[in-house]
Amino acid sequence: KKMTDATRQDAVPLATKSPARQTAPTQPEAPPSEPAAPEKPPAKNPPTPAPEKPASKPSATPASDVGRPLSEPIPEPAHEPVAPEPEASAPKTVRITPASSPLLQPIDIPTLLPLLPVRGTVAFPGSVMPLTVGRPRSKRLLDEALTAEKIVGIVTQRVEATEDPALADLYPIGTASLILKMAPASEGQINILTHGLVRYRILALVASDPYLRARIDIIPDDVPRATPACELLIRSVRSLAARMVELSPNVPDEAVSIINNIDNPGTLADFLAANLSGDFQEKQSLLEETDVTKRLDRVRDKFAARIELLELQDKIQSQV
């Protein structure tokens, strides 16, 4: 037993020393672990930038979808609905140079135009036309037009009896006109004097209250080339117009000089068409004719038929 106890006592120190030797080599390994400690600061950097961005947009996509938060911060699509700002700004205009205008300078025509419906008459470019306005919506239009561009879109309604016309009750083509004068009349009505500037086509209705406003498109004339046939047509129309003035006692002789001083063939056709007698449907058809040569042909035919009738009446009266 003494031997065994001794061996146990000796064995215990041996067993304890051997672990001490094993831990001794591990202690020098502790210093290498300390250099790993400086790696802890880099671990502090990722949490600050990386988690903050995903945390600000967790609802967009799952956390595994790391690329989307970078694309989502570009929410220009969200700002594009705000792109109606150009429409909210001042309406765009089209600059024209009328063949005849009291201003004798280019004029800007708004592409958003207030519509002034008229009954039984047609406004032509280059023509001066008096109008009597009595409908409440039309009077409201005039009040605002005089404080703005003073340009309105005169358009003829299809049925004269329609009291409150909608867009479907109007012809699609009218004349943008400048308001020259306005004066109060009896029974709350207003007398205005307008000057036709250019044809336009109604594209879409923008507003109906307090008056009609529409988006329009300017219609240019299809002007013919200066050819001998065109010059012959113009001379024929002027000759018939002069004969018409001779047979019409109510037309002043100065009208002949006015007709001879109009050089633009489209303006000549419009001036004569505005002074033709006949129903407004026929005049509206001439307004919608943009081919100047065809318009001159139709005006010549109208004058020739009218002159033939007047000459026949004059012959009958002379025989009686």
Protein backbone atom coordinates (compact mmCIF):
# COMPACT_ATOMS: atom_id res chain seq x y z
CA LYS A 1 0.00 0.00 0.00
CA LYS A 2 2.78 2.43 0.72
CA MET A 3 4.16 1.79 -2.67
CA THR A 4 0.89 2.19 -4.34
CA ASP A 5 0.13 5.39 -2.43
CA ALA A 6 3.51 6.70 -3.30
CA THR A 7 3.04 5.89 -6.89
CA ARG A 8 -0.35 7.58 -6.77
CA GLN A 9 1.11 10.63 -5.17
CA ASP A 10 3.83 10.64 -7.72
CA ALA A 11 1.42 9.93 -10.45
CA VAL A 12 -0.74 12.85 -9.59
CA PRO A 13 2.05 15.40 -10.01
CA LEU A 14 2.96 13.77 -13.25
CA ALA A 15 -0.55 14.07 -14.46
CA THR A 16 -0.78 17.68 -13.34
CA LYS A 17 2.53 18.60 -14.86
CA SER A 18 1.68 17.19 -18.19
CA PRO A 19 -1.38 19.40 -18.58
CA ALA A 20 0.72 22.32 -17.43
CA ARG A 21 3.03 21.63 -20.30
CA GLN A 22 0.09 21.47 -22.67
CA THR A 23 -1.37 24.75 -21.45
CA ALA A 24 2.00 26.41 -21.63
CA PRO A 25 2.08 26.15 -25.42
CA THR A 26 -1.48 27.43 -25.56
CA GLN A 27 -0.56 30.57 -23.66
CA PRO A 28 1.85 31.71 -26.37
CA GLU A 29 -1.02 31.20 -28.77
CA ALA A 30 -2.99 33.81 -26.84
CA PRO A 31 -0.87 36.65 -28.20
CA PRO A 32 -1.72 35.66 -31.80
CA SER A 33 -5.35 35.85 -30.76
CA GLU A 34 -4.80 39.42 -29.63
CA PRO A 35 -3.86 40.57 -33.15
CA ALA A 36 -7.27 39.28 -34.10
CA ALA A 37 -8.69 41.84 -31.71
CA PRO A 38 -7.93 44.71 -34.12
CA GLU A 39 -10.22 42.98 -36.55
CA LYS A 40 -13.11 43.86 -34.24
CA PRO A 41 -13.20 47.55 -35.27
CA PRO A 42 -13.87 46.64 -38.93
CA ALA A 43 -16.80 44.66 -37.61
CA LYS A 44 -18.21 47.89 -36.20
CA ASN A 45 -18.18 49.60 -39.62
CA PRO A 46 -20.47 47.21 -41.52
CA PRO A 47 -23.31 47.55 -39.01
CA THR A 48 -23.50 51.30 -39.37
CA PRO A 49 -23.89 51.80 -43.17
CA ALA A 50 -25.21 48.44 -44.23
CA PRO A 51 -28.03 47.85 -41.77
CA GLU A 52 -29.26 51.45 -41.92
CA LYS A 53 -30.17 51.38 -45.63
CA PRO A 54 -32.03 48.09 -45.57
CA ALA A 55 -33.70 49.15 -42.33
CA SER A 56 -35.04 52.31 -43.97
CA LYS A 57 -36.72 50.36 -46.77
CA PRO A 58 -37.74 47.01 -45.25
CA SER A 59 -41.18 47.10 -46.78
CA ALA A 60 -39.93 47.24 -50.38
CA THR A 61 -38.41 43.77 -50.66
CA PRO A 62 -37.01 40.97 -48.48
CA ALA A 63 -33.66 41.49 -46.78
CA SER A 64 -32.13 38.91 -49.07
CA ASP A 65 -32.89 41.22 -52.01
CA VAL A 66 -30.00 43.54 -51.36
CA GLY A 67 -29.85 44.98 -54.87
CA ARG A 68 -33.38 46.39 -54.87
CA PRO A 69 -32.94 48.99 -52.15
CA LEU A 70 -30.23 50.50 -54.38
CA SER A 71 -32.59 50.66 -57.35
CA GLU A 72 -35.55 51.80 -55.30
CA PRO A 73 -33.91 54.99 -54.03
CA ILE A 74 -34.22 56.15 -57.63
CA PRO A 75 -37.99 56.67 -57.44
CA GLU A 76 -38.03 58.92 -60.51
CA PRO A 77 -41.06 56.93 -61.64
CA ALA A 78 -42.72 58.21 -58.48
CA HIS A 79 -41.86 61.77 -59.54
CA GLU A 80 -42.99 61.29 -63.15
CA PRO A 81 -46.65 61.45 -62.20
CA VAL A 82 -45.79 64.99 -61.19
CA ALA A 83 -44.93 65.55 -64.87
CA PRO A 84 -48.36 67.12 -65.46
CA GLU A 85 -46.57 70.32 -64.42
CA PRO A 86 -46.13 71.35 -68.10
CA GLU A 87 -49.91 71.19 -68.50
CA ALA A 88 -50.41 73.21 -65.35
CA SER A 89 -48.12 75.90 -66.72
CA ALA A 90 -49.18 78.62 -69.16
CA PRO A 91 -50.82 77.21 -72.31
CA LYS A 92 -48.56 76.82 -75.30
CA THR A 93 -49.09 79.07 -78.29
CA VAL A 94 -48.61 78.91 -82.04
CA ARG A 95 -47.18 82.00 -83.69
CA ILE A 96 -48.79 82.95 -86.98
CA THR A 97 -48.47 85.85 -89.37
CA PRO A 98 -51.96 86.64 -90.68
CA ALA A 99 -52.25 87.67 -94.30
CA SER A 100 -54.29 90.63 -93.12
CA SER A 101 -54.41 91.86 -89.54
CA PRO A 102 -54.99 95.19 -87.85
CA LEU A 103 -51.83 94.60 -85.81
CA LEU A 104 -49.65 93.93 -88.89
CA GLN A 105 -47.35 91.69 -86.83
CA PRO A 106 -47.07 88.01 -85.80
CA ILE A 107 -49.69 86.85 -83.30
CA ASP A 108 -49.50 84.00 -80.78
CA ILE A 109 -52.57 81.76 -80.89
CA PRO A 110 -53.12 79.70 -77.70
CA THR A 111 -53.54 75.99 -78.28
CA LEU A 112 -56.09 76.00 -75.45
CA LEU A 113 -58.77 78.27 -76.83
CA PRO A 114 -62.08 79.50 -75.35
CA LEU A 115 -64.91 78.68 -77.76
CA LEU A 116 -67.53 81.25 -78.71
CA PRO A 117 -70.46 79.46 -80.44
CA VAL A 118 -72.41 81.56 -82.96
CA ARG A 119 -75.68 80.93 -84.78
CA GLY A 120 -76.44 81.32 -88.48
CA THR A 121 -73.11 82.87 -89.46
CA VAL A 122 -69.52 81.82 -90.19
CA ALA A 123 -66.33 83.72 -89.41
CA PHE A 124 -63.54 83.65 -92.01
CA PRO A 125 -59.86 84.53 -91.62
CA GLY A 126 -59.24 88.11 -92.67
CA SER A 127 -62.87 89.17 -92.27
CA VAL A 128 -64.19 91.71 -89.78
CA MET A 129 -67.47 90.55 -88.29
CA PRO A 130 -69.81 92.21 -85.77
CA LEU A 131 -71.56 89.93 -83.26
CA THR A 132 -74.19 90.34 -80.56
CA VAL A 133 -73.58 88.15 -77.52
CA GLY A 134 -76.34 87.44 -75.01
CA ARG A 135 -75.86 83.95 -73.56
CA PRO A 136 -74.49 83.91 -69.99
CA ARG A 137 -71.61 81.55 -70.78
CA SER A 138 -70.57 83.63 -73.77
CA LYS A 139 -70.65 86.84 -71.74
CA ARG A 140 -68.50 85.21 -69.06
CA LEU A 141 -66.06 84.20 -71.79
CA LEU A 142 -65.81 87.79 -73.03
CA ASP A 143 -65.17 89.10 -69.51
CA GLU A 144 -62.17 86.81 -69.11
CA ALA A 145 -60.95 87.07 -72.71
CA LEU A 146 -60.56 90.84 -72.47
CA THR A 147 -58.21 90.40 -69.51
CA ALA A 148 -56.18 87.72 -71.33
CA GLU A 149 -55.07 87.35 -74.97
CA LYS A 150 -58.36 88.75 -76.41
CA ILE A 151 -58.38 85.80 -78.80
CA VAL A 152 -61.40 83.50 -78.95
CA GLY A 153 -62.36 80.57 -81.12
CA ILE A 154 -65.49 81.51 -83.05
CA VAL A 155 -67.28 78.35 -84.15
CA THR A 156 -70.67 77.86 -85.78
CA GLN A 157 -73.24 75.59 -84.17
CA ARG A 158 -75.00 73.05 -86.36
CA VAL A 159 -78.55 73.91 -85.27
CA GLU A 160 -79.46 77.54 -84.66
CA ALA A 161 -82.17 76.71 -82.14
CA THR A 162 -79.75 75.02 -79.72
CA GLU A 163 -79.58 77.35 -76.74
CA ASP A 164 -76.74 75.76 -74.77
CA PRO A 165 -74.57 73.92 -77.31
CA ALA A 166 -72.18 71.15 -76.32
CA LEU A 167 -69.14 70.05 -78.30
CA ALA A 168 -71.22 67.67 -80.44
CA ASP A 169 -73.47 70.60 -81.45
CA LEU A 170 -70.56 72.53 -83.01
CA TYR A 171 -68.77 72.20 -86.32
CA PRO A 172 -65.21 70.86 -85.90
CA ILE A 173 -63.55 73.79 -87.72
CA GLY A 174 -63.77 77.44 -86.75
CA THR A 175 -61.77 80.67 -86.90
CA ALA A 176 -59.52 82.03 -84.17
CA SER A 177 -60.48 85.70 -83.93
CA LEU A 178 -59.21 88.81 -82.22
CA ILE A 179 -61.72 90.93 -80.29
CA LEU A 180 -61.27 94.50 -81.52
CA LYS A 181 -64.08 96.28 -79.68
CA MET A 182 -66.76 95.50 -77.13
CA ALA A 183 -69.69 97.64 -76.04
CA PRO A 184 -72.82 97.01 -73.95
CA ALA A 185 -76.12 96.70 -75.78
CA SER A 186 -79.77 96.61 -74.79
CA GLU A 187 -81.32 93.86 -72.66
CA GLY A 188 -77.97 92.92 -71.13
CA GLN A 189 -76.42 91.93 -74.43
CA ILE A 190 -72.90 92.81 -75.63
CA ASN A 191 -71.87 93.98 -79.09
CA ILE A 192 -68.37 92.96 -80.20
CA LEU A 193 -66.29 93.48 -83.32
CA THR A 194 -63.98 90.60 -84.26
CA HIS A 195 -61.24 90.07 -86.82
CA GLY A 196 -60.64 86.56 -88.13
CA LEU A 197 -57.03 85.37 -87.90
CA VAL A 198 -56.66 81.71 -88.86
CA ARG A 199 -58.58 78.44 -89.19
CA TYR A 200 -58.41 75.90 -86.40
CA ARG A 201 -59.64 72.39 -85.75
CA ILE A 202 -61.10 71.27 -82.40
CA LEU A 203 -59.11 68.32 -81.05
CA ALA A 204 -60.64 67.76 -77.61
CA LEU A 205 -62.82 69.51 -75.07
CA VAL A 206 -60.84 70.58 -72.00
CA ALA A 207 -63.54 72.31 -69.92
CA SER A 208 -67.23 73.11 -70.17
CA ASP A 209 -67.63 75.43 -67.17
CA PRO A 210 -67.92 78.35 -66.93
CA TYR A 211 -67.60 78.21 -70.75
CA LEU A 212 -66.27 75.82 -73.38
CA ARG A 213 -62.49 75.49 -73.70
CA ALA A 214 -60.88 73.17 -76.22
CA ARG A 215 -57.47 72.04 -77.35
CA ILE A 216 -57.11 73.13 -80.96
CA ASP A 217 -54.79 72.70 -83.92
CA ILE A 218 -54.02 75.47 -86.40
CA ILE A 219 -54.91 74.60 -90.02
CA PRO A 220 -52.62 76.14 -92.63
CA ASP A 221 -53.74 76.85 -96.18
CA ASP A 222 -52.66 74.63 -99.04
CA VAL A 223 -51.36 77.47 -101.20
CA PRO A 224 -50.93 76.76 -104.95
CA ARG A 225 -47.79 77.52 -106.87
CA ALA A 226 -47.70 80.68 -108.96
CA THR A 227 -48.59 79.26 -112.36
CA PRO A 228 -50.32 80.85 -115.37
CA ALA A 229 -53.42 78.77 -114.61
CA CYS A 230 -53.50 80.08 -111.05
CA GLU A 231 -53.08 83.69 -112.20
CA LEU A 232 -55.90 83.22 -114.72
CA LEU A 233 -58.16 81.86 -111.98
CA ILE A 234 -57.43 84.82 -109.71
CA ARG A 235 -58.15 87.34 -112.50
CA SER A 236 -61.41 85.57 -113.30
CA VAL A 237 -62.52 85.72 -109.68
CA ARG A 238 -61.67 89.42 -109.39
CA SER A 239 -63.55 90.20 -112.60
CA LEU A 240 -66.66 88.39 -111.37
CA ALA A 241 -66.42 90.14 -107.99
CA ALA A 242 -66.25 93.55 -109.71
CA ARG A 243 -69.31 92.68 -111.77
CA MET A 244 -71.09 91.60 -108.63
CA VAL A 245 -70.40 94.97 -107.02
CA GLU A 246 -71.87 96.75 -110.08
CA LEU A 247 -75.09 94.75 -109.82
CA SER A 248 -75.41 95.19 -106.04
CA PRO A 249 -76.57 98.71 -105.15
CA ASN A 250 -75.96 98.18 -101.45
CA VAL A 251 -72.25 97.39 -101.93
CA PRO A 252 -69.95 100.45 -102.07
CA ASP A 253 -67.73 100.92 -105.10
CA GLU A 254 -64.66 100.96 -102.83
CA ALA A 255 -65.06 97.20 -102.48
CA VAL A 256 -63.56 96.76 -105.95
CA SER A 257 -60.31 98.48 -104.97
CA ILE A 258 -60.16 96.38 -101.80
CA ILE A 259 -60.54 93.19 -103.82
CA ASN A 260 -57.86 94.24 -106.32
CA ASN A 261 -55.39 95.00 -103.51
CA ILE A 262 -55.59 91.50 -101.99
CA ASP A 263 -52.54 89.65 -103.29
CA ASN A 264 -52.80 86.44 -101.26
CA PRO A 265 -55.10 84.00 -103.14
CA GLY A 266 -56.28 82.32 -99.93
CA THR A 267 -57.16 85.66 -98.36
CA LEU A 268 -59.00 86.70 -101.53
CA ALA A 269 -61.09 83.52 -101.46
CA ASP A 270 -61.92 84.00 -97.77
CA PHE A 271 -62.85 87.67 -98.19
CA LEU A 272 -65.24 86.89 -101.03
CA ALA A 273 -66.67 83.80 -99.30
CA ALA A 274 -67.45 85.85 -96.20
CA ASN A 275 -69.47 88.29 -98.33
CA LEU A 276 -71.38 85.67 -100.30
CA SER A 277 -75.09 85.42 -99.78
CA GLY A 278 -76.45 82.02 -98.88
CA ASP A 279 -77.03 79.72 -95.95
CA PHE A 280 -74.39 79.24 -93.27
CA GLN A 281 -73.97 75.52 -94.11
CA GLU A 282 -72.61 76.49 -97.51
CA LYS A 283 -70.23 79.02 -95.99
CA GLN A 284 -69.09 76.47 -93.41
CA SER A 285 -68.25 74.11 -96.25
CA LEU A 286 -66.07 76.83 -97.82
CA LEU A 287 -64.38 77.44 -94.45
CA GLU A 288 -63.48 73.76 -94.19
CA GLU A 289 -61.91 73.78 -97.68
CA THR A 290 -58.18 74.23 -97.10
CA ASP A 291 -57.12 73.81 -100.73
CA VAL A 292 -56.92 77.40 -101.98
CA THR A 293 -57.36 76.46 -105.64
CA LYS A 294 -60.53 74.49 -104.92
CA ARG A 295 -61.80 77.29 -102.71
CA LEU A 296 -61.28 79.85 -105.47
CA ASP A 297 -63.03 77.57 -107.97
CA ARG A 298 -66.06 77.22 -105.70
CA VAL A 299 -66.19 80.98 -105.01
CA ARG A 300 -66.02 81.68 -108.75
CA ASP A 301 -68.90 79.29 -109.40
CA LYS A 302 -70.97 80.92 -106.65
CA PHE A 303 -70.34 84.39 -108.05
CA ALA A 304 -71.10 83.29 -111.61
CA ALA A 305 -74.44 81.79 -110.58
CA ARG A 306 -75.29 84.86 -108.51
CA ILE A 307 -74.37 87.26 -111.31
CA GLU A 308 -76.49 85.32 -113.78
CA LEU A 309 -79.47 85.65 -111.47
CA LEU A 310 -78.91 89.37 -110.88
CA GLU A 311 -78.51 90.06 -114.60
CA LEU A 312 -81.74 88.22 -115.30
CA GLN A 313 -83.55 90.25 -112.64
CA ASP A 314 -82.10 93.46 -114.05
CA LYS A 315 -83.23 92.52 -117.57
CA ILE A 316 -86.75 91.77 -116.39
CA GLN A 317 -86.99 95.07 -114.53
CA SER A 318 -85.77 97.01 -117.56
CA GLN A 319 -88.44 95.40 -119.75
CA VAL A 320 -91.19 96.28 -117.31
